[in-house]
Structure formats: C-alpha cells, structure tokens
Amino acid sequence: MERYDDLNVPQIALVGVVSTVIVVVLILATQTLYLNYNDWLAESKLRSGGVPEPQRVLNAQRDTLTSYDKIDAETYAIPIDSAMTTTVAEMRTELGLGHDDDEHAHDKADEQAGHDADGHDEPKHDAADHDHGDHGKHDA
C-alpha cells in the first residue's frame, strides 16, 4: 500500500513547468495580437482619413461659429466675428459714441454699462465723480 501514498514529484514538477510555459506563451501571444491590431487600426484610420470623434465635434463647432446659415424663416446665423462687430457697433451707437477709435471710448462704454476696466460690475457713479482730464485729446 505504500505505492499509493507516494507522490510522483517529477511528474508534478513537469506538469507545473509545462503549464507555466503554456500560460506565458498565451500571454505573449495575446499581447502581440493586441499590439498588431492596435497598429493596424491606427493605420486604417490614417488611410481612410478618419478623424477622431472629439476632433470631428470641434470641427463642426468651428464651422458653425464661422459660417452663415438660415436657422428658420426669421432667424439667420452669422459668423461670431461679424456678430461681435455688429453688437459693438450697435452698442456704440446706443451709447452715442459713434465710430471714433478713441482708446477711452471703451472705458466710457464700460462705465455706462456698469463695468470697471477689468469687466467687473461696479456701482454706477455720476460723470462728475471722475476726473478724466483731456486724455490726450487735442482741440482741432
């Protein structure tokens, strides 16, 4: 009966080593397949001119901001630069600033709109509260 009590250590060691080699080979094969697939995928995106989704979204937003479009029967979209220029021109007209390019005209517009030089809200003051001097204006 001693024959059944003994473990076959060489056979156990052989099975352990063979199993370890098989697992290592499978891990390396899986990693190689993944890396090759990843390279193939990157190359196919380049060949097809594929743009990643975030870049596609940014391009669509940029196109929206820089193009003319008809939204509905009464609404049109214009480029953001044109919209800003038009809004500034309308505000200057409303504030009576005209179209002069005086550097202090912006300060006056901010002051009348209730903003300080940094664009923050400030309490409204009378024009008499501020001593602006001539600010480089010359009589003609």
C-alpha atoms as a PDB file:
ATOM      1  CA  MET A   1       0.000   0.000   0.000  1.00  0.00           C
ATOM      2  CA  GLU A   2       2.926   2.315   0.208  1.00  0.00           C
ATOM      3  CA  ARG A   3       2.790   2.641  -3.507  1.00  0.00           C
ATOM      4  CA  TYR A   4      -0.402   4.756  -3.386  1.00  0.00           C
ATOM      5  CA  ASP A   5       0.890   7.051  -0.604  1.00  0.00           C
ATOM      6  CA  ASP A   6       3.894   8.361  -2.543  1.00  0.00           C
ATOM      7  CA  LEU A   7       3.559  11.459  -4.726  1.00  0.00           C
ATOM      8  CA  ASN A   8       5.204  11.438  -8.112  1.00  0.00           C
ATOM      9  CA  VAL A   9       7.233  14.619  -7.630  1.00  0.00           C
ATOM     10  CA  PRO A  10       8.965  14.562 -11.054  1.00  0.00           C
ATOM     11  CA  GLN A  11       5.618  14.273 -12.847  1.00  0.00           C
ATOM     12  CA  ILE A  12       4.099  17.119 -10.745  1.00  0.00           C
ATOM     13  CA  ALA A  13       7.132  19.300 -11.492  1.00  0.00           C
ATOM     14  CA  LEU A  14       6.874  18.537 -15.197  1.00  0.00           C
ATOM     15  CA  VAL A  15       3.160  19.414 -15.302  1.00  0.00           C
ATOM     16  CA  GLY A  16       3.866  22.659 -13.378  1.00  0.00           C
ATOM     17  CA  VAL A  17       6.667  23.736 -15.717  1.00  0.00           C
ATOM     18  CA  VAL A  18       4.722  22.857 -18.872  1.00  0.00           C
ATOM     19  CA  SER A  19       1.640  24.700 -17.571  1.00  0.00           C
ATOM     20  CA  THR A  20       3.738  27.780 -16.740  1.00  0.00           C
ATOM     21  CA  VAL A  21       5.309  27.778 -20.226  1.00  0.00           C
ATOM     22  CA  ILE A  22       1.872  27.461 -21.855  1.00  0.00           C
ATOM     23  CA  VAL A  23       0.456  30.364 -19.806  1.00  0.00           C
ATOM     24  CA  VAL A  24       3.458  32.593 -20.615  1.00  0.00           C
ATOM     25  CA  VAL A  25       3.188  31.779 -24.338  1.00  0.00           C
ATOM     26  CA  LEU A  26      -0.544  32.554 -24.314  1.00  0.00           C
ATOM     27  CA  ILE A  27       0.030  35.893 -22.538  1.00  0.00           C
ATOM     28  CA  LEU A  28       2.753  36.913 -25.014  1.00  0.00           C
ATOM     29  CA  ALA A  29       0.641  35.831 -27.996  1.00  0.00           C
ATOM     30  CA  THR A  30      -2.353  37.819 -26.723  1.00  0.00           C
ATOM     31  CA  GLN A  31      -0.219  40.912 -26.171  1.00  0.00           C
ATOM     32  CA  THR A  32       1.330  40.601 -29.644  1.00  0.00           C
ATOM     33  CA  LEU A  33      -2.071  40.217 -31.276  1.00  0.00           C
ATOM     34  CA  TYR A  34      -3.390  43.284 -29.406  1.00  0.00           C
ATOM     35  CA  LEU A  35      -0.421  45.457 -30.371  1.00  0.00           C
ATOM     36  CA  ASN A  36      -0.622  44.353 -34.021  1.00  0.00           C
ATOM     37  CA  TYR A  37      -4.362  45.055 -34.086  1.00  0.00           C
ATOM     38  CA  ASN A  38      -3.794  48.469 -32.486  1.00  0.00           C
ATOM     39  CA  ASP A  39      -1.182  49.347 -35.154  1.00  0.00           C
ATOM     40  CA  TRP A  40      -3.462  48.078 -37.931  1.00  0.00           C
ATOM     41  CA  LEU A  41      -6.358  50.152 -36.567  1.00  0.00           C
ATOM     42  CA  ALA A  42      -4.220  53.314 -36.423  1.00  0.00           C
ATOM     43  CA  GLU A  43      -3.008  52.764 -39.995  1.00  0.00           C
ATOM     44  CA  SER A  44      -6.527  52.154 -41.276  1.00  0.00           C
ATOM     45  CA  LYS A  45      -7.706  55.403 -39.656  1.00  0.00           C
ATOM     46  CA  LEU A  46      -4.890  57.274 -41.366  1.00  0.00           C
ATOM     47  CA  ARG A  47      -5.626  55.648 -44.716  1.00  0.00           C
ATOM     48  CA  SER A  48      -9.341  56.354 -44.524  1.00  0.00           C
ATOM     49  CA  GLY A  49      -8.781  59.935 -43.402  1.00  0.00           C
ATOM     50  CA  GLY A  50     -10.674  59.155 -40.243  1.00  0.00           C
ATOM     51  CA  VAL A  51     -10.734  61.922 -37.697  1.00  0.00           C
ATOM     52  CA  PRO A  52     -11.297  61.009 -34.066  1.00  0.00           C
ATOM     53  CA  GLU A  53     -14.767  61.907 -32.780  1.00  0.00           C
ATOM     54  CA  PRO A  54     -13.682  64.809 -30.487  1.00  0.00           C
ATOM     55  CA  GLN A  55     -11.858  66.454 -33.379  1.00  0.00           C
ATOM     56  CA  ARG A  56     -14.924  65.960 -35.592  1.00  0.00           C
ATOM     57  CA  VAL A  57     -17.074  67.709 -32.967  1.00  0.00           C
ATOM     58  CA  LEU A  58     -14.613  70.603 -32.675  1.00  0.00           C
ATOM     59  CA  ASN A  59     -14.537  70.996 -36.453  1.00  0.00           C
ATOM     60  CA  ALA A  60     -18.344  71.065 -36.581  1.00  0.00           C
ATOM     61  CA  GLN A  61     -18.466  73.698 -33.834  1.00  0.00           C
ATOM     62  CA  ARG A  62     -15.802  75.786 -35.593  1.00  0.00           C
ATOM     63  CA  ASP A  63     -17.786  75.585 -38.836  1.00  0.00           C
ATOM     64  CA  THR A  64     -20.938  76.683 -37.005  1.00  0.00           C
ATOM     65  CA  LEU A  65     -19.121  79.685 -35.499  1.00  0.00           C
ATOM     66  CA  THR A  66     -17.588  80.806 -38.786  1.00  0.00           C
ATOM     67  CA  SER A  67     -20.367  80.308 -41.328  1.00  0.00           C
ATOM     68  CA  TYR A  68     -23.623  81.843 -42.452  1.00  0.00           C
ATOM     69  CA  ASP A  69     -26.759  79.720 -42.113  1.00  0.00           C
ATOM     70  CA  LYS A  70     -30.525  80.026 -42.149  1.00  0.00           C
ATOM     71  CA  ILE A  71     -31.959  78.638 -38.907  1.00  0.00           C
ATOM     72  CA  ASP A  72     -35.657  79.134 -39.713  1.00  0.00           C
ATOM     73  CA  ALA A  73     -37.853  81.556 -41.647  1.00  0.00           C
ATOM     74  CA  GLU A  74     -36.959  84.523 -39.434  1.00  0.00           C
ATOM     75  CA  THR A  75     -33.589  83.559 -37.928  1.00  0.00           C
ATOM     76  CA  TYR A  76     -30.178  83.590 -39.562  1.00  0.00           C
ATOM     77  CA  ALA A  77     -26.800  82.601 -38.162  1.00  0.00           C
ATOM     78  CA  ILE A  78     -23.775  84.763 -38.920  1.00  0.00           C
ATOM     79  CA  PRO A  79     -20.102  84.208 -38.069  1.00  0.00           C
ATOM     80  CA  ILE A  80     -19.251  85.049 -34.474  1.00  0.00           C
ATOM     81  CA  ASP A  81     -16.710  87.709 -35.514  1.00  0.00           C
ATOM     82  CA  SER A  82     -19.367  89.512 -37.548  1.00  0.00           C
ATOM     83  CA  ALA A  83     -21.845  89.205 -34.681  1.00  0.00           C
ATOM     84  CA  MET A  84     -19.380  90.726 -32.217  1.00  0.00           C
ATOM     85  CA  THR A  85     -18.522  93.578 -34.577  1.00  0.00           C
ATOM     86  CA  THR A  86     -22.206  94.290 -35.209  1.00  0.00           C
ATOM     87  CA  THR A  87     -23.027  94.180 -31.487  1.00  0.00           C
ATOM     88  CA  VAL A  88     -20.183  96.564 -30.616  1.00  0.00           C
ATOM     89  CA  ALA A  89     -21.270  98.959 -33.373  1.00  0.00           C
ATOM     90  CA  GLU A  90     -24.882  98.866 -32.125  1.00  0.00           C
ATOM     91  CA  MET A  91     -23.787  99.481 -28.517  1.00  0.00           C
ATOM     92  CA  ARG A  92     -21.570 102.384 -29.561  1.00  0.00           C
ATOM     93  CA  THR A  93     -24.488 103.905 -31.449  1.00  0.00           C
ATOM     94  CA  GLU A  94     -26.843 103.448 -28.483  1.00  0.00           C
ATOM     95  CA  LEU A  95     -24.300 104.997 -26.123  1.00  0.00           C
ATOM     96  CA  GLY A  96     -23.667 107.877 -28.513  1.00  0.00           C
ATOM     97  CA  LEU A  97     -20.015 107.029 -29.013  1.00  0.00           C
ATOM     98  CA  GLY A  98     -20.114 106.993 -32.792  1.00  0.00           C
ATOM     99  CA  HIS A  99     -17.311 105.302 -34.673  1.00  0.00           C
ATOM    100  CA  ASP A 100     -14.251 107.084 -33.265  1.00  0.00           C
ATOM    101  CA  ASP A 101     -11.399 104.834 -32.268  1.00  0.00           C
ATOM    102  CA  ASP A 102     -10.501 106.786 -29.135  1.00  0.00           C
ATOM    103  CA  GLU A 103      -8.943 104.395 -26.624  1.00  0.00           C
ATOM    104  CA  HIS A 104     -11.040 105.905 -23.831  1.00  0.00           C
ATOM    105  CA  ALA A 105     -14.313 105.290 -25.660  1.00  0.00           C
ATOM    106  CA  HIS A 106     -14.154 101.696 -24.446  1.00  0.00           C
ATOM    107  CA  ASP A 107     -13.730 102.929 -20.853  1.00  0.00           C
ATOM    108  CA  LYS A 108     -16.740 105.214 -21.275  1.00  0.00           C
ATOM    109  CA  ALA A 109     -18.845 102.372 -22.690  1.00  0.00           C
ATOM    110  CA  ASP A 110     -17.826 100.096 -19.805  1.00  0.00           C
ATOM    111  CA  GLU A 111     -18.549 102.862 -17.324  1.00  0.00           C
ATOM    112  CA  GLN A 112     -22.021 103.443 -18.746  1.00  0.00           C
ATOM    113  CA  ALA A 113     -22.671  99.684 -18.834  1.00  0.00           C
ATOM    114  CA  GLY A 114     -21.664  99.420 -15.159  1.00  0.00           C
ATOM    115  CA  HIS A 115     -18.324  97.632 -15.565  1.00  0.00           C
ATOM    116  CA  ASP A 116     -14.858  98.601 -14.341  1.00  0.00           C
ATOM    117  CA  ALA A 117     -11.731  98.306 -16.512  1.00  0.00           C
ATOM    118  CA  ASP A 118     -11.498  94.558 -15.828  1.00  0.00           C
ATOM    119  CA  GLY A 119     -15.095  93.949 -16.931  1.00  0.00           C
ATOM    120  CA  HIS A 120     -16.407  93.533 -13.373  1.00  0.00           C
ATOM    121  CA  ASP A 121     -19.616  95.137 -12.208  1.00  0.00           C
ATOM    122  CA  GLU A 122     -19.124  98.339 -10.314  1.00  0.00           C
ATOM    123  CA  PRO A 123     -21.552 100.766  -8.735  1.00  0.00           C
ATOM    124  CA  LYS A 124     -22.771 103.492 -11.086  1.00  0.00           C
ATOM    125  CA  HIS A 125     -21.280 106.950 -10.492  1.00  0.00           C
ATOM    126  CA  ASP A 126     -22.018 110.395 -11.819  1.00  0.00           C
ATOM    127  CA  ALA A 127     -19.691 111.693 -14.506  1.00  0.00           C
ATOM    128  CA  ALA A 128     -18.750 114.421 -12.017  1.00  0.00           C
ATOM    129  CA  ASP A 129     -17.248 111.779  -9.698  1.00  0.00           C
ATOM    130  CA  HIS A 130     -14.483 111.051 -12.202  1.00  0.00           C
ATOM    131  CA  ASP A 131     -11.770 113.441 -13.285  1.00  0.00           C
ATOM    132  CA  HIS A 132     -10.752 112.194 -16.706  1.00  0.00           C
ATOM    133  CA  GLY A 133      -8.731 115.217 -17.838  1.00  0.00           C
ATOM    134  CA  ASP A 134      -8.217 115.605 -21.555  1.00  0.00           C
ATOM    135  CA  HIS A 135      -6.832 112.038 -22.075  1.00  0.00           C
ATOM    136  CA  GLY A 136      -4.653 113.026 -24.987  1.00  0.00           C
ATOM    137  CA  LYS A 137      -7.441 114.731 -26.952  1.00  0.00           C
ATOM    138  CA  HIS A 138      -6.377 117.782 -28.859  1.00  0.00           C
ATOM    139  CA  ASP A 139      -8.547 120.656 -29.963  1.00  0.00           C
ATOM    140  CA  ALA A 140      -8.665 120.974 -33.694  1.00  0.00           C
END
